[in-house]
Amino acid sequence: MPVTLSGLASGIDTASIVNQLISADSGTLNALQDKSSNTQAANSTVSSIGTQLSTLATAAQALSDATSNGSFTATSSGTMVGVTSSPAAQPGTYSVEVKDLAAAQRTYSQSFASDTAALNQTGSFTIAVGTGAPATINVLATDSLQSIVSKINDSGLQVSASVFNDGTTSRLQIRGINTGKANALTFVENGTTLDLNGTGALPTSGKTVQPAQDASLIVDGFPVTRPTNQITGAINGLTLNVTDKTTSPITVNVASDPTTLTTNLNAVVTAYNNVINAIHKATGYGDQKASNTLLSGDSTLRTVASKLSTSMQGMSTQSGSLTSLADIGLTLQRDGTLALD
């Protein structure tokens, strides 16, 4: 049985009516979809501005640290005295002379024909570092220089042993790990004849060729000693790295370095302007339309921009000859952004 619809034969454009009804419903749906899309975009914009505000807070915190911003650079007139500065350094000029470098002890035994042949010595010797407890090295008749080296290196002391060969004969070398007079090595032989306390009286004798010693300097006429060649504490905030004796005074100069302050100021300006420009773009500013109709003229974002401007104008250095941000080159522009002179 055929299906008929009343009116289809009367000339009424049923298809057109149906299409218009569908189009009307689609318009409502499209409007809802557009609103949803705008809302999501607005949320993303506000979240981004929040992140930028956090960046601004971090930059402002770095600027408020007087220690890091009041930095200084230290220079030396000679390569024998390197110098590094910390935030505690203060401006000044100093005369530095290096009389002696800190050194670790190096001691040689008497010479032997071979480093691998048995020495035919029976007994022991002790090694002490400074005032520390001595370690005993037991020597067997079958021990060679090489096996004694291994025993010393396994002793746990702050020393290092090796074999030195001059091309004809070999010697046991024992050296301290740490520099400074307090780390001098002491030897006591019991039955062995390695001549570790030798004076070098004969070409074959043992000898200490480098005693343990402290670094010795003259700073502005005052004697300074340290167990290492990194001299700290003599000049406040400075570390002197001495590498050689000097034949004439070296000049160390400490001067103000504005680099860190300038970097921190630029970071504040960039972060601040990013926030202001993002708010202007989102809410509209001057002839610029809002990027999102839902945020057009948004009072909350405008309040944020206003409070930032007020806070910036009210900030000061609180002491000294520089009492406002303008004194250090920070100024607010007509569009609400910052500029650094």
Protein backbone atom coordinates (compact mmCIF):
# COMPACT_ATOMS: atom_id res chain seq x y z
CA MET A 1 0.00 0.00 0.00
CA PRO A 2 1.61 3.33 -1.04
CA VAL A 3 2.40 6.02 1.61
CA THR A 4 1.04 9.51 0.92
CA LEU A 5 1.61 12.79 2.75
CA SER A 6 -1.22 15.31 2.75
CA GLY A 7 -0.33 18.49 0.94
CA LEU A 8 2.54 17.16 -1.10
CA ALA A 9 0.45 17.44 -4.18
CA SER A 10 -0.93 20.87 -3.33
CA GLY A 11 2.18 22.80 -4.31
CA ILE A 12 3.65 23.38 -0.79
CA ASP A 13 7.55 23.26 -0.74
CA THR A 14 7.80 20.77 2.09
CA ALA A 15 11.55 20.13 1.54
CA SER A 16 12.31 23.83 1.91
CA ILE A 17 10.34 24.04 5.14
CA VAL A 18 12.16 21.03 6.55
CA ASN A 19 15.57 22.48 5.59
CA GLN A 20 14.74 25.81 7.26
CA LEU A 21 13.70 24.04 10.44
CA ILE A 22 16.97 22.05 10.47
CA SER A 23 18.96 25.22 9.74
CA ALA A 24 17.31 27.02 12.64
CA ASP A 25 18.21 24.24 15.03
CA SER A 26 21.75 24.11 13.63
CA GLY A 27 22.18 27.84 14.27
CA THR A 28 21.42 27.34 17.94
CA LEU A 29 23.84 24.42 18.09
CA ASN A 30 26.59 26.40 16.30
CA ALA A 31 26.12 29.28 18.71
CA LEU A 32 26.53 26.93 21.66
CA GLN A 33 29.62 25.39 20.08
CA ASP A 34 31.12 28.85 19.46
CA LYS A 35 30.43 29.87 23.05
CA SER A 36 32.03 26.69 24.34
CA SER A 37 35.08 27.27 22.15
CA ASN A 38 35.39 30.89 23.32
CA THR A 39 35.08 29.82 26.94
CA GLN A 40 37.86 27.27 26.55
CA ALA A 41 40.05 29.86 24.82
CA ALA A 42 39.34 32.37 27.62
CA ASN A 43 40.33 29.80 30.25
CA SER A 44 43.56 29.11 28.38
CA THR A 45 44.32 32.83 28.13
CA VAL A 46 43.71 33.45 31.84
CA SER A 47 45.84 30.42 32.73
CA SER A 48 48.66 31.71 30.53
CA ILE A 49 48.51 35.12 32.20
CA GLY A 50 48.69 33.37 35.57
CA THR A 51 51.88 31.61 34.48
CA GLN A 52 53.35 34.91 33.32
CA LEU A 53 52.50 36.49 36.69
CA SER A 54 54.40 33.68 38.39
CA THR A 55 57.42 34.38 36.16
CA LEU A 56 57.20 38.06 37.11
CA ALA A 57 57.13 37.17 40.81
CA THR A 58 60.29 35.06 40.41
CA ALA A 59 62.07 37.87 38.56
CA ALA A 60 61.04 40.42 41.20
CA GLN A 61 62.32 38.13 43.97
CA ALA A 62 65.73 37.89 42.29
CA LEU A 63 65.84 41.67 42.03
CA SER A 64 65.12 42.04 45.75
CA ASP A 65 68.22 40.01 46.73
CA ALA A 66 70.74 42.70 47.61
CA THR A 67 73.61 40.20 47.93
CA SER A 68 73.35 38.85 44.41
CA ASN A 69 72.64 42.23 42.80
CA GLY A 70 75.48 44.02 44.56
CA SER A 71 78.12 41.88 42.87
CA PHE A 72 81.77 42.66 42.25
CA THR A 73 84.42 41.50 39.80
CA ALA A 74 87.98 40.76 40.89
CA THR A 75 90.99 41.01 38.60
CA SER A 76 94.70 40.25 38.98
CA SER A 77 97.63 41.94 37.26
CA GLY A 78 99.64 38.70 37.08
CA THR A 79 99.04 35.10 36.03
CA MET A 80 100.78 33.78 39.17
CA VAL A 81 97.78 34.86 41.26
CA GLY A 82 94.33 34.03 39.91
CA VAL A 83 91.36 35.46 41.75
CA THR A 84 87.66 34.68 42.04
CA SER A 85 85.06 36.63 43.98
CA SER A 86 81.92 35.75 45.90
CA PRO A 87 78.93 38.02 46.72
CA ALA A 88 80.68 38.89 50.00
CA ALA A 89 83.51 40.71 48.19
CA GLN A 90 83.91 44.45 48.65
CA PRO A 91 85.65 47.06 46.46
CA GLY A 92 89.36 47.44 47.12
CA THR A 93 92.90 47.09 45.80
CA TYR A 94 95.51 44.76 47.32
CA SER A 95 99.21 44.00 46.87
CA VAL A 96 100.02 40.28 46.84
CA GLU A 97 103.43 38.57 46.86
CA VAL A 98 103.82 34.77 46.71
CA LYS A 99 106.88 33.56 48.62
CA ASP A 100 106.21 29.80 48.59
CA LEU A 101 103.62 27.45 47.16
CA ALA A 102 101.89 24.83 49.26
CA ALA A 103 103.34 21.41 48.47
CA ALA A 104 102.93 17.74 49.37
CA GLN A 105 105.98 15.80 50.55
CA ARG A 106 107.91 13.63 48.07
CA THR A 107 110.43 11.14 49.43
CA TYR A 108 112.66 8.69 47.51
CA SER A 109 114.37 5.55 48.77
CA GLN A 110 117.91 4.60 47.94
CA SER A 111 118.45 3.25 44.42
CA PHE A 112 118.16 -0.42 43.45
CA ALA A 113 119.19 -2.29 40.30
CA SER A 114 115.67 -3.60 39.61
CA ASP A 115 112.12 -2.76 40.55
CA THR A 116 110.90 -6.35 40.17
CA ALA A 117 113.70 -8.39 41.73
CA ALA A 118 113.51 -9.48 45.39
CA LEU A 119 115.26 -7.00 47.68
CA ASN A 120 116.20 -9.68 50.24
CA GLN A 121 115.15 -7.36 53.06
CA THR A 122 113.21 -8.55 56.08
CA GLY A 123 111.54 -6.21 58.53
CA SER A 124 109.05 -3.37 58.41
CA PHE A 125 108.71 0.38 58.27
CA THR A 126 105.99 2.76 59.39
CA ILE A 127 104.52 5.77 57.64
CA ALA A 128 102.66 8.51 59.52
CA VAL A 129 100.88 11.49 57.97
CA GLY A 130 101.12 14.51 60.24
CA THR A 131 99.99 13.62 63.74
CA GLY A 132 97.92 10.68 62.50
CA ALA A 133 98.42 7.09 63.57
CA PRO A 134 101.24 5.36 61.66
CA ALA A 135 100.65 2.40 59.36
CA THR A 136 103.10 -0.50 59.37
CA ILE A 137 104.35 -1.95 56.09
CA ASN A 138 105.75 -5.45 56.56
CA VAL A 139 108.53 -6.41 54.15
CA LEU A 140 109.46 -10.00 53.26
CA ALA A 141 112.73 -11.18 51.72
CA THR A 142 110.86 -11.92 48.50
CA ASP A 143 109.39 -8.40 48.20
CA SER A 144 110.45 -6.16 45.34
CA LEU A 145 109.99 -2.42 44.97
CA GLN A 146 106.79 -3.08 43.01
CA SER A 147 105.29 -5.30 45.71
CA ILE A 148 106.16 -2.73 48.40
CA VAL A 149 104.42 -0.07 46.30
CA SER A 150 101.25 -2.19 46.31
CA LYS A 151 101.41 -2.66 50.09
CA ILE A 152 101.78 1.10 50.67
CA ASN A 153 98.91 1.95 48.33
CA ASP A 154 96.72 -0.62 50.10
CA SER A 155 97.50 0.81 53.55
CA GLY A 156 94.66 3.33 53.55
CA LEU A 157 96.96 6.27 54.32
CA GLN A 158 96.72 9.58 52.49
CA VAL A 159 99.88 8.73 50.54
CA SER A 160 100.66 7.40 47.09
CA ALA A 161 103.61 5.19 46.15
CA SER A 162 105.20 4.41 42.80
CA VAL A 163 108.51 3.38 41.27
CA PHE A 164 110.85 5.98 39.77
CA ASN A 165 113.39 4.84 37.21
CA ASP A 166 116.20 7.10 36.02
CA GLY A 167 117.09 4.82 33.12
CA THR A 168 119.58 2.75 35.09
CA THR A 169 118.31 2.25 38.63
CA SER A 170 114.95 2.33 40.36
CA ARG A 171 113.73 3.97 43.56
CA LEU A 172 110.61 3.80 45.70
CA GLN A 173 108.80 7.14 45.65
CA ILE A 174 106.31 7.99 48.41
CA ARG A 175 104.35 11.22 48.19
CA GLY A 176 101.64 12.79 50.30
CA ILE A 177 98.19 13.23 48.84
CA ASN A 178 97.52 16.54 50.61
CA THR A 179 99.60 19.72 50.65
CA GLY A 180 100.54 21.64 53.78
CA LYS A 181 103.06 21.38 56.58
CA ALA A 182 100.52 19.57 58.76
CA ASN A 183 100.59 16.67 56.29
CA ALA A 184 104.33 15.95 56.55
CA LEU A 185 105.31 12.27 56.25
CA THR A 186 107.33 10.50 58.94
CA PHE A 187 109.17 7.21 58.38
CA VAL A 188 110.60 4.74 60.89
CA GLU A 189 112.47 1.70 59.54
CA ASN A 190 112.73 -1.53 61.55
CA GLY A 191 115.08 -3.99 59.85
CA THR A 192 114.72 -2.57 56.34
CA THR A 193 117.37 -0.45 54.63
CA LEU A 194 115.33 1.56 52.17
CA ASP A 195 116.95 4.78 53.48
CA LEU A 196 113.62 6.64 53.60
CA ASN A 197 115.16 9.19 55.99
CA GLY A 198 118.21 9.67 53.80
CA THR A 199 119.79 13.05 53.21
CA GLY A 200 121.04 12.39 49.70
CA ALA A 201 124.64 12.32 50.90
CA LEU A 202 125.52 9.88 48.11
CA PRO A 203 124.10 9.59 44.58
CA THR A 204 122.52 6.30 45.60
CA SER A 205 121.11 7.57 48.92
CA GLY A 206 117.48 8.15 49.73
CA LYS A 207 116.21 11.73 49.99
CA THR A 208 113.16 13.88 50.60
CA VAL A 209 113.23 16.17 47.58
CA GLN A 210 110.13 18.13 48.51
CA PRO A 211 109.11 18.65 52.15
CA ALA A 212 105.46 19.26 52.97
CA GLN A 213 104.94 23.01 53.21
CA ASP A 214 102.30 25.70 53.41
CA ALA A 215 101.68 28.44 50.89
CA SER A 216 103.32 31.67 52.07
CA LEU A 217 102.14 35.08 50.87
CA ILE A 218 102.54 38.74 51.77
CA VAL A 219 99.23 40.61 51.40
CA ASP A 220 99.51 44.38 51.83
CA GLY A 221 102.63 43.81 53.91
CA PHE A 222 101.10 41.16 56.18
CA PRO A 223 102.27 37.50 56.13
CA VAL A 224 99.62 34.92 55.22
CA THR A 225 99.99 31.12 55.30
CA ARG A 226 97.58 28.42 54.15
CA PRO A 227 97.93 24.64 53.69
CA THR A 228 96.73 24.83 50.07
CA ASN A 229 97.29 27.09 47.10
CA GLN A 230 93.66 28.26 47.20
CA ILE A 231 93.90 31.12 49.67
CA THR A 232 90.55 31.89 51.28
CA GLY A 233 89.73 34.16 54.19
CA ALA A 234 92.70 36.49 53.77
CA ILE A 235 90.67 39.00 51.73
CA ASN A 236 86.95 38.95 52.45
CA GLY A 237 84.96 37.38 49.61
CA LEU A 238 88.03 36.49 47.52
CA THR A 239 89.85 33.25 46.71
CA LEU A 240 93.43 33.66 45.55
CA ASN A 241 94.62 30.79 43.35
CA VAL A 242 98.41 30.91 43.45
CA THR A 243 100.38 28.97 40.84
CA ASP A 244 103.93 30.28 41.13
CA LYS A 245 106.23 32.48 43.17
CA THR A 246 106.25 36.15 42.30
CA THR A 247 109.27 38.35 41.66
CA SER A 248 107.31 41.55 42.24
CA PRO A 249 103.97 42.39 43.87
CA ILE A 250 100.78 41.45 42.03
CA THR A 251 97.86 43.88 42.18
CA VAL A 252 94.43 42.42 42.93
CA ASN A 253 91.54 44.77 42.29
CA VAL A 254 87.88 44.36 43.24
CA ALA A 255 85.39 46.63 41.47
CA SER A 256 81.62 46.87 41.26
CA ASP A 257 80.05 44.76 38.51
CA PRO A 258 76.58 45.91 37.35
CA THR A 259 76.09 42.93 35.04
CA THR A 260 73.97 40.88 37.44
CA LEU A 261 71.78 43.85 38.38
CA THR A 262 71.25 44.73 34.72
CA THR A 263 70.34 41.13 33.90
CA ASN A 264 67.84 40.98 36.77
CA LEU A 265 66.31 44.32 35.82
CA ASN A 266 65.86 43.19 32.23
CA ALA A 267 64.20 40.00 33.48
CA VAL A 268 61.67 42.05 35.47
CA VAL A 269 60.97 44.34 32.51
CA THR A 270 60.43 41.41 30.16
CA ALA A 271 58.19 39.51 32.58
CA TYR A 272 56.18 42.62 33.49
CA ASN A 273 55.63 43.63 29.86
CA ASN A 274 54.60 40.10 28.93
CA VAL A 275 51.82 40.26 31.54
CA ILE A 276 50.64 43.74 30.51
CA ASN A 277 50.69 42.96 26.79
CA ALA A 278 48.84 39.68 27.36
CA ILE A 279 46.12 41.51 29.34
CA HIS A 280 45.82 44.22 26.69
CA LYS A 281 45.50 41.61 23.96
CA ALA A 282 42.92 39.60 25.89
CA THR A 283 40.71 42.50 27.07
CA GLY A 284 41.35 45.03 24.35
CA TYR A 285 43.36 48.23 24.64
CA GLY A 286 42.98 51.48 22.70
CA ASP A 287 42.12 50.61 19.12
CA GLN A 288 43.04 46.99 19.70
CA LYS A 289 40.02 44.73 19.99
CA ALA A 290 39.85 41.92 22.54
CA SER A 291 41.16 38.64 21.20
CA ASN A 292 38.22 36.91 22.92
CA THR A 293 34.79 38.51 23.22
CA LEU A 294 34.22 36.87 26.60
CA LEU A 295 37.25 38.76 28.01
CA SER A 296 36.51 42.10 26.38
CA GLY A 297 36.96 44.72 29.07
CA ASP A 298 37.23 42.02 31.73
CA SER A 299 37.31 43.83 35.08
CA THR A 300 39.43 41.23 36.85
CA LEU A 301 42.23 41.34 34.33
CA ARG A 302 42.09 45.13 34.15
CA THR A 303 42.34 45.25 37.96
CA VAL A 304 45.43 43.05 37.80
CA ALA A 305 47.06 45.44 35.34
CA SER A 306 46.10 48.45 37.45
CA LYS A 307 47.46 46.96 40.67
CA LEU A 308 50.70 46.01 38.94
CA SER A 309 51.11 49.59 37.76
CA THR A 310 50.35 50.98 41.22
CA SER A 311 52.75 48.54 42.88
CA MET A 312 55.49 49.37 40.42
CA GLN A 313 55.13 53.11 41.03
CA GLY A 314 55.22 52.56 44.78
CA MET A 315 58.38 50.41 44.81
CA SER A 316 61.60 51.95 46.09
CA THR A 317 65.12 50.98 47.03
CA GLN A 318 64.33 52.10 50.61
CA SER A 319 67.83 53.37 51.38
CA GLY A 320 70.83 55.12 49.94
CA SER A 321 70.96 57.74 47.21
CA LEU A 322 68.72 55.69 44.90
CA THR A 323 65.20 55.94 46.32
CA SER A 324 62.96 54.99 43.39
CA LEU A 325 62.92 52.64 40.42
CA ALA A 326 63.29 55.64 38.15
CA ASP A 327 66.68 56.28 39.79
CA ILE A 328 67.95 52.97 38.41
CA GLY A 329 66.38 53.46 34.98
CA LEU A 330 62.96 51.76 35.32
CA THR A 331 60.06 53.86 34.04
CA LEU A 332 56.40 53.22 33.19
CA GLN A 333 55.36 54.00 29.62
CA ARG A 334 52.02 55.46 28.49
CA ASP A 335 50.78 52.05 27.39
CA GLY A 336 51.45 50.63 30.87
CA THR A 337 54.62 48.73 29.98
CA LEU A 338 58.06 49.19 31.54
CA ALA A 339 61.23 50.50 29.96
CA LEU A 340 64.82 50.23 31.20
CA ASP A 341 67.23 53.07 30.52
